[in-house]
């Protein structure tokens, strides 16, 4: 579980849009970007090279 205060300040590093939790991922809310960032051991991995498009995240185990 990611702290709400942390979620309030996290943004997508690619486009600077807000991110929201979606299972084991943080999803960028910008439709033209739409990257998903993994959350491992309750730590968001906010690196563009770790991000995937939503269709790649479905069913992917980290």
N, C-alpha and C. Protein backbone atom coordinates (compact mmCIF):
# COMPACT_ATOMS: atom_id res chain seq x y z
N UNK A 1 0.84 -1.18 0.00
CA UNK A 1 0.00 0.00 0.00
C UNK A 1 0.88 1.24 0.00
N UNK A 2 0.68 2.11 -0.96
CA UNK A 2 1.46 3.34 -1.08
C UNK A 2 0.78 4.43 -0.27
N UNK A 3 1.57 5.15 0.49
CA UNK A 3 1.07 6.24 1.32
C UNK A 3 0.36 7.30 0.46
N UNK A 4 -0.78 7.78 0.93
CA UNK A 4 -1.57 8.77 0.19
C UNK A 4 -0.79 10.07 -0.05
N UNK A 5 0.03 10.47 0.90
CA UNK A 5 0.82 11.69 0.73
C UNK A 5 1.82 11.53 -0.41
N UNK A 6 2.39 10.34 -0.53
CA UNK A 6 3.31 10.07 -1.62
C UNK A 6 2.56 10.08 -2.95
N UNK A 7 1.40 9.46 -2.99
CA UNK A 7 0.61 9.45 -4.22
C UNK A 7 0.24 10.86 -4.68
N UNK A 8 0.04 11.76 -3.74
CA UNK A 8 -0.32 13.14 -4.09
C UNK A 8 0.79 13.86 -4.84
N UNK A 9 2.04 13.46 -4.64
CA UNK A 9 3.15 14.16 -5.28
C UNK A 9 3.76 13.39 -6.45
N UNK A 10 3.44 12.12 -6.60
CA UNK A 10 4.00 11.34 -7.71
C UNK A 10 3.36 11.75 -9.03
N UNK A 11 4.20 11.86 -10.05
CA UNK A 11 3.73 12.13 -11.41
C UNK A 11 4.49 11.23 -12.37
N UNK A 12 3.95 11.06 -13.54
CA UNK A 12 4.61 10.29 -14.59
C UNK A 12 5.88 11.03 -15.01
N UNK A 13 7.03 10.38 -14.96
CA UNK A 13 8.26 11.06 -15.36
C UNK A 13 8.32 11.39 -16.86
N UNK A 14 7.52 10.72 -17.65
CA UNK A 14 7.53 10.96 -19.10
C UNK A 14 6.74 12.21 -19.48
N UNK A 15 5.58 12.41 -18.84
CA UNK A 15 4.71 13.53 -19.27
C UNK A 15 4.28 14.44 -18.13
N UNK A 16 4.61 14.09 -16.90
CA UNK A 16 4.30 14.87 -15.70
C UNK A 16 2.82 14.86 -15.31
N UNK A 17 2.05 13.91 -15.82
CA UNK A 17 0.64 13.78 -15.45
C UNK A 17 0.51 12.98 -14.15
N UNK A 18 -0.63 13.11 -13.50
CA UNK A 18 -0.92 12.39 -12.26
C UNK A 18 -0.93 10.88 -12.53
N UNK A 19 -0.50 10.12 -11.54
CA UNK A 19 -0.57 8.66 -11.60
C UNK A 19 -1.50 8.16 -10.50
N UNK A 20 -2.20 7.07 -10.77
CA UNK A 20 -3.12 6.48 -9.80
C UNK A 20 -2.84 4.99 -9.68
N UNK A 21 -3.08 4.43 -8.50
CA UNK A 21 -2.84 2.99 -8.32
C UNK A 21 -3.83 2.14 -9.13
N UNK A 22 -3.32 1.04 -9.67
CA UNK A 22 -4.15 0.07 -10.38
C UNK A 22 -3.51 -1.30 -10.14
N UNK A 23 -3.92 -1.95 -9.06
CA UNK A 23 -3.32 -3.23 -8.69
C UNK A 23 -1.87 -3.04 -8.29
N UNK A 24 -0.98 -3.77 -8.95
CA UNK A 24 0.46 -3.69 -8.67
C UNK A 24 1.15 -2.66 -9.56
N UNK A 25 0.40 -1.69 -10.05
CA UNK A 25 0.92 -0.69 -10.97
C UNK A 25 0.45 0.70 -10.58
N UNK A 26 1.17 1.72 -11.07
CA UNK A 26 0.71 3.10 -11.03
C UNK A 26 0.47 3.50 -12.47
N UNK A 27 -0.73 3.94 -12.76
CA UNK A 27 -1.11 4.25 -14.14
C UNK A 27 -1.13 5.75 -14.38
N UNK A 28 -0.45 6.18 -15.43
CA UNK A 28 -0.46 7.57 -15.86
C UNK A 28 -1.85 7.91 -16.38
N UNK A 29 -2.35 9.07 -16.00
CA UNK A 29 -3.70 9.47 -16.37
C UNK A 29 -3.77 10.26 -17.68
N UNK A 30 -2.64 10.49 -18.32
CA UNK A 30 -2.62 11.18 -19.60
C UNK A 30 -2.88 10.16 -20.70
N UNK A 31 -4.01 10.27 -21.42
CA UNK A 31 -4.33 9.26 -22.44
C UNK A 31 -3.30 9.15 -23.56
N UNK A 32 -2.61 10.23 -23.87
CA UNK A 32 -1.62 10.16 -24.95
C UNK A 32 -0.32 9.50 -24.48
N UNK A 33 -0.10 9.42 -23.19
CA UNK A 33 1.08 8.76 -22.64
C UNK A 33 0.68 7.36 -22.16
N UNK A 34 -0.09 7.32 -21.07
CA UNK A 34 -0.67 6.08 -20.58
C UNK A 34 0.29 5.02 -20.05
N UNK A 35 1.50 5.40 -19.69
CA UNK A 35 2.44 4.41 -19.18
C UNK A 35 2.04 3.91 -17.80
N UNK A 36 2.38 2.66 -17.52
CA UNK A 36 2.16 2.07 -16.20
C UNK A 36 3.51 1.77 -15.59
N UNK A 37 3.64 2.10 -14.31
CA UNK A 37 4.88 1.91 -13.57
C UNK A 37 4.67 0.84 -12.51
N UNK A 38 5.58 -0.11 -12.40
CA UNK A 38 5.40 -1.19 -11.43
C UNK A 38 5.58 -0.71 -9.99
N UNK A 39 4.92 -1.41 -9.08
CA UNK A 39 5.10 -1.18 -7.64
C UNK A 39 5.63 -2.51 -7.10
N UNK A 40 6.82 -2.46 -6.51
CA UNK A 40 7.43 -3.67 -5.98
C UNK A 40 7.68 -3.49 -4.49
N UNK A 41 7.16 -4.39 -3.68
CA UNK A 41 7.31 -4.31 -2.22
C UNK A 41 6.86 -2.95 -1.71
N UNK A 42 5.73 -2.47 -2.24
CA UNK A 42 5.14 -1.18 -1.87
C UNK A 42 6.01 0.02 -2.24
N UNK A 43 6.96 -0.17 -3.15
CA UNK A 43 7.81 0.93 -3.61
C UNK A 43 7.53 1.18 -5.09
N UNK A 44 7.06 2.39 -5.45
CA UNK A 44 6.83 2.69 -6.86
C UNK A 44 8.15 2.82 -7.62
N UNK A 45 8.24 2.14 -8.74
CA UNK A 45 9.43 2.20 -9.58
C UNK A 45 9.14 3.19 -10.71
N UNK A 46 9.47 4.45 -10.48
CA UNK A 46 9.10 5.53 -11.40
C UNK A 46 10.21 5.82 -12.40
N UNK A 47 10.64 4.80 -13.10
CA UNK A 47 11.66 4.92 -14.14
C UNK A 47 11.00 4.64 -15.49
N UNK A 48 11.22 5.52 -16.45
CA UNK A 48 10.61 5.35 -17.77
C UNK A 48 10.99 4.01 -18.38
N UNK A 49 12.23 3.58 -18.18
CA UNK A 49 12.67 2.30 -18.77
C UNK A 49 12.01 1.09 -18.11
N UNK A 50 11.39 1.27 -16.95
CA UNK A 50 10.65 0.19 -16.28
C UNK A 50 9.16 0.22 -16.63
N UNK A 51 8.71 1.29 -17.24
CA UNK A 51 7.29 1.46 -17.54
C UNK A 51 6.87 0.62 -18.74
N UNK A 52 5.58 0.30 -18.78
CA UNK A 52 5.01 -0.44 -19.90
C UNK A 52 3.67 0.20 -20.28
N UNK A 53 3.21 -0.10 -21.48
CA UNK A 53 1.87 0.29 -21.89
C UNK A 53 0.88 -0.65 -21.19
N UNK A 54 -0.36 -0.22 -20.97
CA UNK A 54 -1.32 -1.05 -20.22
C UNK A 54 -1.51 -2.45 -20.77
N UNK A 55 -1.52 -2.61 -22.08
CA UNK A 55 -1.73 -3.94 -22.65
C UNK A 55 -0.56 -4.87 -22.34
N UNK A 56 0.63 -4.31 -22.12
CA UNK A 56 1.79 -5.12 -21.74
C UNK A 56 1.76 -5.47 -20.25
N UNK A 57 1.12 -4.64 -19.44
CA UNK A 57 1.08 -4.85 -17.99
C UNK A 57 0.09 -5.95 -17.61
N UNK A 58 -0.96 -6.12 -18.38
CA UNK A 58 -1.97 -7.12 -18.05
C UNK A 58 -1.36 -8.51 -18.04
N UNK A 59 -1.49 -9.15 -16.91
CA UNK A 59 -0.99 -10.52 -16.78
C UNK A 59 0.50 -10.63 -16.55
N UNK A 60 1.19 -9.51 -16.55
CA UNK A 60 2.64 -9.54 -16.32
C UNK A 60 2.92 -9.63 -14.82
N UNK A 61 3.71 -10.58 -14.43
CA UNK A 61 4.06 -10.75 -13.01
C UNK A 61 5.41 -10.14 -12.75
N UNK A 62 5.48 -9.35 -11.69
CA UNK A 62 6.77 -8.75 -11.28
C UNK A 62 7.21 -9.32 -9.98
